[in-house]
Amino acid sequence: MLETLINAFKIKDIRKKLLFTFGMIIIIRFGSQLPAPGVNREYFSQWFAQQSNDAFNFFSAFTGGSFERMSVFALSITPYITSSIIIHLLTIAIPALEEMQKDGEDGRKKIAAITRYVTVGLALLESTAMAVGFGNSGMIPDMNFLKGLTVVVTFTAGSAFLMWLGERITENGVGNGISIVLMVNILSSIPSSITGLFGMFVSGKTIARGALAALVILAVILLTVVLVIVLNDAERKIPVQYAKKMQGRKMIGGQSTFIPLKVNTAGVIPVIFASSLMSIPQIVISFSGAQPSGIAGTLIGMLSQNNWFNFSRPVYSVGLILYIALIIFFAYFYTSITFNPIEVADNMKKQGGFIPGIRPGRPTTDYLNKVLGYLIFIGAVGLIIVVLIPIFFNGVFGAQVSFGGTSIIIVVGVILETLKQIESQMLVRNYRGFLTD
């Protein structure tokens, strides 16, 4: 990775893109520290510190602490992520959006424009809910319409500006801009979490116990990263053979290729969907100020990841079963809307391609569905293992960290994809130089 970056900096065009990306990252981190006007940050920090809800920690990690600090980027790019997911799902239900998606570059531009509008709408809705919900409670001193409007405009504009920065990174920098913004936000919270782990398990202990604890922490982090890398790169290659045919006076075809099917076909989406769905009741109750008790309190406690693997309260770990089931469900669901075996089989048949030993048409579709079913399950199990490692250590040892398996999957995935893009740009430039010479 370091060698790739060093070689990239030697190339003028790629160096400019890298420096542009770093410049945008500096702006993003500066905005994350810039306080929103009219907001009592101390009030919200105290309120946030009192929340034992892991959903808010998850949201804080995704916003790089901007939400906790109530900066101008408090909403970060979460409205854009939600908007992208909504539009992606609606392409199945709305034929017009599905046609746009298939309509080449022009269709993708239209969908991107719709996603931007929905992002601004969601940001406006979320900022209004925050201003109304927290404004009268003390977040906005001497709350009135003008002050509330100022906060709403600030948060909405901050989220829209971050979205714009992400798009500029995609166009003029390296990697996917939105993914890089999210990665930078997550990375910004890791040093404080590592410091917290050091203070809890290493500082003040004997040399032997402290060294052992440090080694265990390092081993767990490295193991999680390695698992994520394996999960991200693992794929099943389905061999495809194309029959020879006459075109004019030439015989074409006959080459062999393959269909790459990733083991983790849905990426981190199933974990985000499952975590978001389980956090909704917790967030609603936290905002309402209600304190559920009895059966209701137990059910809410089951939804919190902070209570899982806690042997003093084993009943709460029942929520873990629901979490695992949701991850598996969303892995199959998301893959079913992003990969169509029928369409792949039809395209292969039209181009004279076939899988060795499998007849074209329906048998090919059935074969792809069978292989895909195995891969989705293996990928979902891999995701579950990765996300449960930090949750296990949190429940058993009380290792409170703001980043978890979800964050590590995102960070490692973005880094790997960005490096691949840099390498491909370097390769293209080398080919161009060879052809020019």
Protein backbone atom coordinates (compact mmCIF):
# COMPACT_ATOMS: atom_id res chain seq x y z
CA MET A 1 0.00 0.00 0.00
CA LEU A 2 2.77 2.46 0.93
CA GLU A 3 4.74 1.55 -2.20
CA THR A 4 1.65 2.23 -4.34
CA LEU A 5 1.22 5.71 -2.83
CA ILE A 6 4.93 6.52 -3.26
CA ASN A 7 4.82 5.49 -6.91
CA ALA A 8 1.57 7.42 -7.43
CA PHE A 9 3.15 10.64 -6.08
CA LYS A 10 5.84 10.34 -8.75
CA ILE A 11 3.20 10.79 -11.46
CA LYS A 12 2.13 14.41 -11.88
CA ASP A 13 -1.55 13.84 -12.79
CA ILE A 14 -2.17 11.34 -9.99
CA ARG A 15 -0.21 13.50 -7.53
CA LYS A 16 -2.56 16.41 -8.27
CA LYS A 17 -5.57 14.18 -7.64
CA LEU A 18 -4.13 12.90 -4.36
CA LEU A 19 -3.29 16.43 -3.15
CA PHE A 20 -6.79 17.60 -4.11
CA THR A 21 -8.30 14.72 -2.11
CA PHE A 22 -6.14 15.52 0.93
CA GLY A 23 -7.18 19.17 0.68
CA MET A 24 -10.86 18.21 0.69
CA ILE A 25 -10.25 15.97 3.72
CA ILE A 26 -8.75 18.94 5.61
CA ILE A 27 -11.85 21.01 4.81
CA ILE A 28 -14.10 18.18 5.98
CA ARG A 29 -12.31 17.85 9.31
CA PHE A 30 -12.28 21.63 9.79
CA GLY A 31 -16.05 21.77 9.24
CA SER A 32 -16.53 18.93 11.71
CA GLN A 33 -15.01 21.14 14.43
CA LEU A 34 -16.81 24.37 13.42
CA PRO A 35 -19.68 25.01 15.89
CA ALA A 36 -23.17 25.59 14.53
CA PRO A 37 -24.48 29.11 15.34
CA GLY A 38 -27.01 29.43 18.13
CA VAL A 39 -26.43 25.96 19.59
CA ASN A 40 -25.48 25.26 23.20
CA ARG A 41 -22.85 22.59 22.56
CA GLU A 42 -22.26 21.90 26.27
CA TYR A 43 -25.92 21.00 26.76
CA PHE A 44 -25.91 18.51 23.93
CA SER A 45 -22.55 17.01 24.94
CA GLN A 46 -23.91 16.37 28.43
CA TRP A 47 -27.12 14.88 27.01
CA PHE A 48 -25.12 12.67 24.65
CA ALA A 49 -22.83 11.46 27.46
CA GLN A 50 -25.89 10.30 29.41
CA GLN A 51 -27.12 8.10 26.56
CA SER A 52 -26.30 4.41 26.91
CA ASN A 53 -27.83 3.76 23.48
CA ASP A 54 -25.35 2.20 21.07
CA ALA A 55 -27.37 3.61 18.15
CA PHE A 56 -26.11 7.11 18.96
CA ASN A 57 -22.51 5.84 19.18
CA PHE A 58 -22.99 4.27 15.76
CA PHE A 59 -24.32 7.58 14.38
CA SER A 60 -21.52 9.55 16.06
CA ALA A 61 -18.88 7.32 14.47
CA PHE A 62 -20.44 7.78 11.02
CA THR A 63 -20.43 11.56 11.46
CA GLY A 64 -16.88 11.70 12.81
CA GLY A 65 -18.08 13.12 16.15
CA SER A 66 -19.76 16.07 14.37
CA PHE A 67 -23.16 15.03 15.72
CA GLU A 68 -21.88 14.89 19.30
CA ARG A 69 -20.20 18.30 18.92
CA MET A 70 -23.19 19.83 17.07
CA SER A 71 -20.93 21.26 14.38
CA VAL A 72 -22.11 22.59 11.00
CA PHE A 73 -21.58 19.04 9.69
CA ALA A 74 -23.67 17.46 12.47
CA LEU A 75 -25.73 15.41 10.00
CA SER A 76 -22.66 14.61 7.89
CA ILE A 77 -23.49 12.50 4.81
CA THR A 78 -26.00 10.24 6.58
CA PRO A 79 -28.92 11.85 4.65
CA TYR A 80 -27.11 11.06 1.39
CA ILE A 81 -26.52 7.43 2.43
CA THR A 82 -30.19 7.05 3.38
CA SER A 83 -31.27 8.73 0.14
CA SER A 84 -29.07 6.45 -1.96
CA ILE A 85 -30.50 3.35 -0.28
CA ILE A 86 -34.09 4.58 -0.75
CA ILE A 87 -33.58 5.39 -4.44
CA HIS A 88 -31.81 2.09 -5.00
CA LEU A 89 -34.72 0.16 -3.50
CA LEU A 90 -37.31 2.24 -5.38
CA THR A 91 -35.75 1.26 -8.72
CA ILE A 92 -37.37 -2.15 -8.18
CA ALA A 93 -40.83 -0.79 -7.36
CA ILE A 94 -40.94 2.11 -9.87
CA PRO A 95 -40.47 1.10 -13.54
CA ALA A 96 -39.49 4.66 -14.56
CA LEU A 97 -36.49 4.59 -12.19
CA GLU A 98 -35.56 1.12 -13.40
CA GLU A 99 -35.53 2.38 -16.99
CA MET A 100 -33.35 5.33 -15.96
CA GLN A 101 -30.88 2.96 -14.35
CA LYS A 102 -30.61 0.98 -17.59
CA ASP A 103 -30.43 4.11 -19.76
CA GLY A 104 -26.65 4.44 -19.70
CA GLU A 105 -24.82 7.56 -18.54
CA ASP A 106 -27.79 9.91 -19.03
CA GLY A 107 -30.00 7.73 -16.85
CA ARG A 108 -27.38 7.55 -14.11
CA LYS A 109 -27.08 11.34 -14.14
CA LYS A 110 -30.85 11.70 -13.70
CA ILE A 111 -30.85 9.22 -10.80
CA ALA A 112 -27.91 11.09 -9.23
CA ALA A 113 -29.88 14.35 -9.48
CA ILE A 114 -32.94 12.76 -7.86
CA THR A 115 -30.71 11.38 -5.10
CA ARG A 116 -29.39 14.90 -4.42
CA TYR A 117 -32.89 16.34 -4.11
CA VAL A 118 -33.98 13.55 -1.77
CA THR A 119 -30.79 14.11 0.27
CA VAL A 120 -31.60 17.79 0.79
CA GLY A 121 -35.19 16.88 1.71
CA LEU A 122 -34.06 14.30 4.28
CA ALA A 123 -31.47 16.71 5.71
CA LEU A 124 -34.16 19.38 6.05
CA LEU A 125 -36.49 16.91 7.76
CA GLU A 126 -33.84 15.63 10.17
CA SER A 127 -32.52 19.10 11.07
CA THR A 128 -36.06 20.36 11.68
CA ALA A 129 -36.79 17.39 13.96
CA MET A 130 -33.56 18.06 15.89
CA ALA A 131 -34.25 21.80 16.20
CA VAL A 132 -37.79 21.22 17.44
CA GLY A 133 -36.97 18.21 19.62
CA PHE A 134 -33.88 19.66 21.33
CA GLY A 135 -34.44 23.40 20.87
CA ASN A 136 -37.01 23.81 23.63
CA SER A 137 -35.04 21.50 25.93
CA GLY A 138 -31.98 23.73 26.09
CA MET A 139 -29.93 23.01 22.98
CA ILE A 140 -30.99 26.40 21.52
CA PRO A 141 -30.96 29.06 24.27
CA ASP A 142 -33.99 31.40 24.20
CA MET A 143 -35.54 29.36 21.43
CA ASN A 144 -37.58 31.24 18.83
CA PHE A 145 -38.49 30.81 15.18
CA LEU A 146 -35.50 32.72 13.80
CA LYS A 147 -32.96 30.82 15.92
CA GLY A 148 -34.59 27.50 15.05
CA LEU A 149 -34.55 28.39 11.35
CA THR A 150 -30.86 29.30 11.56
CA VAL A 151 -30.01 25.89 13.02
CA VAL A 152 -32.14 24.08 10.42
CA VAL A 153 -30.52 25.97 7.53
CA THR A 154 -27.03 25.41 8.96
CA PHE A 155 -27.41 21.64 9.37
CA THR A 156 -29.10 21.24 5.97
CA ALA A 157 -26.49 23.37 4.20
CA GLY A 158 -23.68 21.50 5.97
CA SER A 159 -24.98 18.11 4.80
CA ALA A 160 -25.51 19.41 1.23
CA PHE A 161 -22.01 20.92 1.20
CA LEU A 162 -20.46 17.62 2.31
CA MET A 163 -22.35 15.85 -0.46
CA TRP A 164 -20.95 18.40 -2.95
CA LEU A 165 -17.40 17.88 -1.59
CA GLY A 166 -17.80 14.12 -2.00
CA GLU A 167 -18.82 14.55 -5.63
CA ARG A 168 -15.87 16.86 -6.27
CA ILE A 169 -13.51 14.22 -4.84
CA THR A 170 -15.02 11.63 -7.19
CA GLU A 171 -14.56 13.93 -10.21
CA ASN A 172 -11.19 15.56 -9.43
CA GLY A 173 -9.60 13.30 -6.82
CA VAL A 174 -9.17 9.57 -6.28
CA GLY A 175 -11.72 7.04 -5.13
CA ASN A 176 -15.41 7.41 -4.43
CA GLY A 177 -15.83 10.78 -2.69
CA ILE A 178 -18.81 9.86 -0.49
CA SER A 179 -17.06 6.68 0.68
CA ILE A 180 -13.89 8.65 1.46
CA VAL A 181 -15.87 11.20 3.51
CA LEU A 182 -17.42 8.35 5.49
CA MET A 183 -14.05 6.65 5.94
CA VAL A 184 -12.42 9.87 7.21
CA ASN A 185 -15.24 10.37 9.71
CA ILE A 186 -14.81 6.86 11.07
CA LEU A 187 -11.01 7.10 11.22
CA SER A 188 -11.23 10.34 13.21
CA SER A 189 -12.86 8.50 16.14
CA ILE A 190 -10.42 5.58 16.25
CA PRO A 191 -7.53 7.33 18.12
CA SER A 192 -9.78 8.27 21.04
CA SER A 193 -11.17 4.73 21.18
CA ILE A 194 -7.67 3.23 21.18
CA THR A 195 -6.69 5.66 23.95
CA GLY A 196 -9.76 4.58 25.93
CA LEU A 197 -8.85 0.89 25.54
CA PHE A 198 -5.28 1.65 26.64
CA GLY A 199 -6.50 3.51 29.71
CA MET A 200 -8.94 0.73 30.63
CA PHE A 201 -6.79 -2.37 30.13
CA VAL A 202 -3.12 -1.30 30.01
CA SER A 203 -2.55 1.89 32.01
CA GLY A 204 -2.02 1.32 35.74
CA LYS A 205 -1.63 -2.46 35.38
CA THR A 206 1.49 -4.51 36.05
CA ILE A 207 3.96 -4.77 33.17
CA ALA A 208 3.01 -8.38 32.46
CA ARG A 209 -0.77 -7.81 32.52
CA GLY A 210 -0.48 -4.55 30.61
CA ALA A 211 1.70 -6.11 27.90
CA LEU A 212 -0.64 -9.11 27.61
CA ALA A 213 -3.68 -6.83 27.32
CA ALA A 214 -1.94 -4.70 24.66
CA LEU A 215 -1.06 -7.83 22.66
CA VAL A 216 -4.64 -9.13 22.89
CA ILE A 217 -6.07 -5.77 21.72
CA LEU A 218 -3.60 -5.61 18.83
CA ALA A 219 -4.30 -9.25 17.86
CA VAL A 220 -8.06 -8.71 17.86
CA ILE A 221 -7.76 -5.60 15.68
CA LEU A 222 -5.39 -7.32 13.23
CA LEU A 223 -7.57 -10.45 13.11
CA THR A 224 -10.65 -8.35 12.32
CA VAL A 225 -8.83 -6.42 9.59
CA VAL A 226 -7.48 -9.63 8.02
CA LEU A 227 -10.96 -11.21 8.06
CA VAL A 228 -12.40 -8.10 6.39
CA ILE A 229 -9.71 -8.16 3.67
CA VAL A 230 -10.34 -11.86 2.98
CA LEU A 231 -14.09 -11.29 2.96
CA ASN A 232 -13.78 -8.29 0.67
CA ASP A 233 -11.49 -9.96 -1.92
CA ALA A 234 -12.88 -13.51 -1.91
CA GLU A 235 -14.83 -14.42 -5.04
CA ARG A 236 -16.08 -17.44 -6.96
CA LYS A 237 -15.16 -17.45 -10.64
CA ILE A 238 -17.78 -19.13 -12.82
CA PRO A 239 -16.10 -20.28 -16.08
CA VAL A 240 -17.81 -19.21 -19.31
CA GLN A 241 -17.00 -20.56 -22.78
CA TYR A 242 -18.06 -18.76 -25.97
CA ALA A 243 -18.79 -20.86 -29.06
CA LYS A 244 -17.02 -20.11 -32.33
CA LYS A 245 -19.09 -18.60 -35.13
CA MET A 246 -18.56 -17.20 -38.60
CA GLN A 247 -18.84 -13.44 -39.09
CA GLY A 248 -18.16 -12.57 -42.71
CA ARG A 249 -15.08 -14.53 -43.66
CA LYS A 250 -13.69 -14.63 -40.14
CA MET A 251 -14.17 -17.12 -37.35
CA ILE A 252 -14.74 -15.29 -34.09
CA GLY A 253 -15.44 -16.41 -30.55
CA GLY A 254 -14.14 -19.49 -28.85
CA GLN A 255 -12.49 -17.62 -26.00
CA SER A 256 -12.89 -18.49 -22.34
CA THR A 257 -13.70 -16.04 -19.56
CA PHE A 258 -15.44 -16.11 -16.20
CA ILE A 259 -18.16 -14.43 -14.16
CA PRO A 260 -16.68 -13.11 -10.87
CA LEU A 261 -19.16 -13.55 -8.01
CA LYS A 262 -18.00 -11.92 -4.78
CA VAL A 263 -18.49 -13.94 -1.62
CA ASN A 264 -19.61 -10.82 0.23
CA THR A 265 -22.06 -9.87 -2.51
CA ALA A 266 -23.94 -7.23 -0.49
CA GLY A 267 -20.94 -5.54 1.17
CA VAL A 268 -21.68 -3.80 4.45
CA ILE A 269 -25.30 -2.98 3.51
CA PRO A 270 -26.90 -5.90 5.48
CA VAL A 271 -25.16 -4.79 8.68
CA ILE A 272 -26.19 -1.15 8.21
CA PHE A 273 -29.80 -2.15 7.47
CA ALA A 274 -29.99 -4.51 10.47
CA SER A 275 -28.36 -2.02 12.87
CA SER A 276 -30.56 0.84 11.66
CA LEU A 277 -33.75 -1.19 11.97
CA MET A 278 -32.94 -2.31 15.51
CA SER A 279 -31.89 1.19 16.59
CA ILE A 280 -35.14 2.93 15.55
CA PRO A 281 -37.13 1.99 18.71
CA GLN A 282 -34.16 2.98 20.91
CA ILE A 283 -33.77 6.38 19.24
CA VAL A 284 -37.51 7.14 19.40
CA ILE A 285 -37.61 6.32 23.12
CA SER A 286 -34.47 8.38 23.82
CA PHE A 287 -35.93 11.42 22.04
CA SER A 288 -39.28 11.04 23.80
CA GLY A 289 -37.62 10.88 27.22
CA ALA A 290 -39.71 7.85 28.22
CA GLN A 291 -38.26 5.21 30.52
CA PRO A 292 -39.82 1.84 29.59
CA SER A 293 -40.00 -0.74 32.34
CA GLY A 294 -41.16 -4.32 32.75
CA ILE A 295 -41.51 -6.35 29.56
CA ALA A 296 -41.16 -3.23 27.37
CA GLY A 297 -37.89 -2.31 29.08
CA THR A 298 -36.57 -5.85 28.62
CA LEU A 299 -37.47 -5.84 24.91
CA ILE A 300 -35.75 -2.49 24.37
CA GLY A 301 -32.72 -3.79 26.27
CA MET A 302 -32.56 -6.77 23.90
CA LEU A 303 -32.18 -4.40 20.94
CA SER A 304 -29.07 -2.73 22.38
CA GLN A 305 -25.73 -4.22 21.38
CA ASN A 306 -24.22 -2.95 24.63
CA ASN A 307 -26.23 -5.60 26.51
CA TRP A 308 -25.23 -8.61 24.41
CA PHE A 309 -22.76 -11.19 25.76
CA ASN A 310 -23.31 -9.76 29.24
CA PHE A 311 -23.43 -12.85 31.47
CA SER A 312 -25.03 -10.93 34.33
CA ARG A 313 -28.07 -10.24 32.09
CA PRO A 314 -28.25 -13.22 29.69
CA VAL A 315 -31.86 -12.55 28.64
CA TYR A 316 -30.74 -9.44 26.73
CA SER A 317 -28.56 -11.55 24.43
CA VAL A 318 -31.75 -12.90 22.84
CA GLY A 319 -31.66 -9.76 20.70
CA LEU A 320 -28.48 -11.13 19.14
CA ILE A 321 -30.53 -13.86 17.42
CA LEU A 322 -32.73 -11.21 15.80
CA TYR A 323 -29.64 -9.27 14.70
CA ILE A 324 -28.08 -12.33 13.05
CA ALA A 325 -31.38 -13.20 11.33
CA LEU A 326 -31.71 -9.64 9.98
CA ILE A 327 -28.16 -9.64 8.58
CA ILE A 328 -28.79 -12.93 6.74
CA PHE A 329 -32.17 -11.70 5.46
CA PHE A 330 -30.82 -8.40 4.16
CA ALA A 331 -27.82 -10.16 2.57
CA TYR A 332 -30.19 -12.27 0.46
CA PHE A 333 -32.60 -9.37 -0.12
CA TYR A 334 -29.99 -6.83 -1.26
CA THR A 335 -28.22 -9.35 -3.52
CA SER A 336 -31.54 -10.28 -5.14
CA ILE A 337 -32.07 -6.67 -6.23
CA THR A 338 -28.51 -6.03 -7.41
CA PHE A 339 -27.77 -9.29 -9.26
CA ASN A 340 -30.25 -10.85 -11.69
CA PRO A 341 -29.26 -14.44 -12.70
CA ILE A 342 -32.02 -14.53 -15.35
CA GLU A 343 -30.63 -11.44 -17.09
CA VAL A 344 -27.05 -12.77 -16.89
CA ALA A 345 -28.12 -16.14 -18.35
CA ASP A 346 -30.06 -14.44 -21.18
CA ASN A 347 -27.11 -12.20 -22.08
CA MET A 348 -24.77 -15.20 -22.14
CA LYS A 349 -27.18 -17.10 -24.41
CA LYS A 350 -27.51 -14.15 -26.84
CA GLN A 351 -23.71 -13.88 -27.11
CA GLY A 352 -23.22 -17.61 -27.60
CA GLY A 353 -21.76 -18.17 -24.16
CA PHE A 354 -22.33 -21.11 -21.84
CA ILE A 355 -21.04 -22.54 -18.57
CA PRO A 356 -19.19 -25.82 -19.27
CA GLY A 357 -21.44 -28.74 -18.34
CA ILE A 358 -24.55 -26.51 -17.97
CA ARG A 359 -27.08 -26.03 -20.77
CA PRO A 360 -27.95 -22.41 -21.70
CA GLY A 361 -31.23 -20.86 -20.57
CA ARG A 362 -33.12 -22.06 -17.52
CA PRO A 363 -30.46 -24.58 -16.35
CA THR A 364 -27.87 -21.76 -16.33
CA THR A 365 -30.21 -19.57 -14.27
CA ASP A 366 -30.81 -22.40 -11.78
CA TYR A 367 -27.07 -23.05 -11.52
CA LEU A 368 -26.28 -19.37 -10.88
CA ASN A 369 -29.05 -19.17 -8.25
CA LYS A 370 -27.65 -22.27 -6.51
CA VAL A 371 -24.07 -20.96 -6.45
CA LEU A 372 -25.24 -17.50 -5.43
CA GLY A 373 -27.27 -18.95 -2.56
CA TYR A 374 -24.16 -20.64 -1.13
CA LEU A 375 -22.03 -17.51 -1.57
CA ILE A 376 -24.58 -15.21 0.08
CA PHE A 377 -24.79 -17.47 3.12
CA ILE A 378 -21.00 -17.74 3.44
CA GLY A 379 -20.65 -13.96 3.03
CA ALA A 380 -23.38 -13.29 5.62
CA VAL A 381 -21.67 -15.64 8.11
CA GLY A 382 -18.38 -13.81 7.49
CA LEU A 383 -20.08 -10.46 8.12
CA ILE A 384 -21.64 -11.76 11.33
CA ILE A 385 -18.27 -12.98 12.64
CA VAL A 386 -16.61 -9.63 11.88
CA VAL A 387 -19.31 -7.48 13.50
CA LEU A 388 -19.66 -9.75 16.55
CA ILE A 389 -15.97 -9.69 17.51
CA PRO A 390 -16.08 -6.11 18.95
CA ILE A 391 -19.56 -6.72 20.42
CA PHE A 392 -18.29 -9.85 22.20
CA PHE A 393 -15.36 -8.03 23.81
CA ASN A 394 -17.66 -5.15 24.72
CA GLY A 395 -20.13 -7.45 26.50
CA VAL A 396 -17.60 -9.72 28.22
CA PHE A 397 -14.84 -7.23 29.09
CA GLY A 398 -16.65 -3.87 28.89
CA ALA A 399 -14.37 -2.65 26.09
CA GLN A 400 -16.30 0.45 25.04
CA VAL A 401 -15.23 1.63 21.57
CA SER A 402 -16.90 4.01 19.12
CA PHE A 403 -15.93 1.87 16.13
CA GLY A 404 -16.97 -1.71 15.53
CA GLY A 405 -16.96 -4.37 12.86
CA THR A 406 -19.19 -2.25 10.60
CA SER A 407 -16.74 0.64 10.73
CA ILE A 408 -13.75 -1.62 10.04
CA ILE A 409 -15.51 -3.19 7.05
CA ILE A 410 -16.19 0.27 5.60
CA VAL A 411 -12.68 1.61 6.24
CA VAL A 412 -10.83 -1.44 4.86
CA GLY A 413 -13.19 -1.70 1.88
CA VAL A 414 -12.77 1.97 0.94
CA ILE A 415 -8.97 1.81 1.29
CA LEU A 416 -8.74 -1.30 -0.89
CA GLU A 417 -11.03 0.14 -3.58
CA THR A 418 -9.16 3.46 -3.60
CA LEU A 419 -5.81 1.70 -3.96
CA LYS A 420 -7.19 -0.39 -6.83
CA GLN A 421 -8.35 2.79 -8.56
CA ILE A 422 -4.93 4.42 -8.10
CA GLU A 423 -3.23 1.30 -9.51
CA SER A 424 -5.60 1.22 -12.50
CA GLN A 425 -4.90 4.92 -13.24
CA MET A 426 -1.17 4.24 -13.06
CA LEU A 427 -1.60 1.26 -15.40
CA VAL A 428 -3.62 3.29 -17.91
CA ARG A 429 -1.01 6.04 -17.87
CA ASN A 430 1.76 3.49 -18.51
CA TYR A 431 -0.15 2.11 -21.50
CA ARG A 432 -0.69 5.62 -22.86
CA GLY A 433 2.99 6.39 -22.49
CA PHE A 434 3.91 3.15 -24.26
CA LEU A 435 1.55 3.88 -27.18
CA THR A 436 2.79 7.50 -27.44
CA ASP A 437 6.39 6.43 -27.54
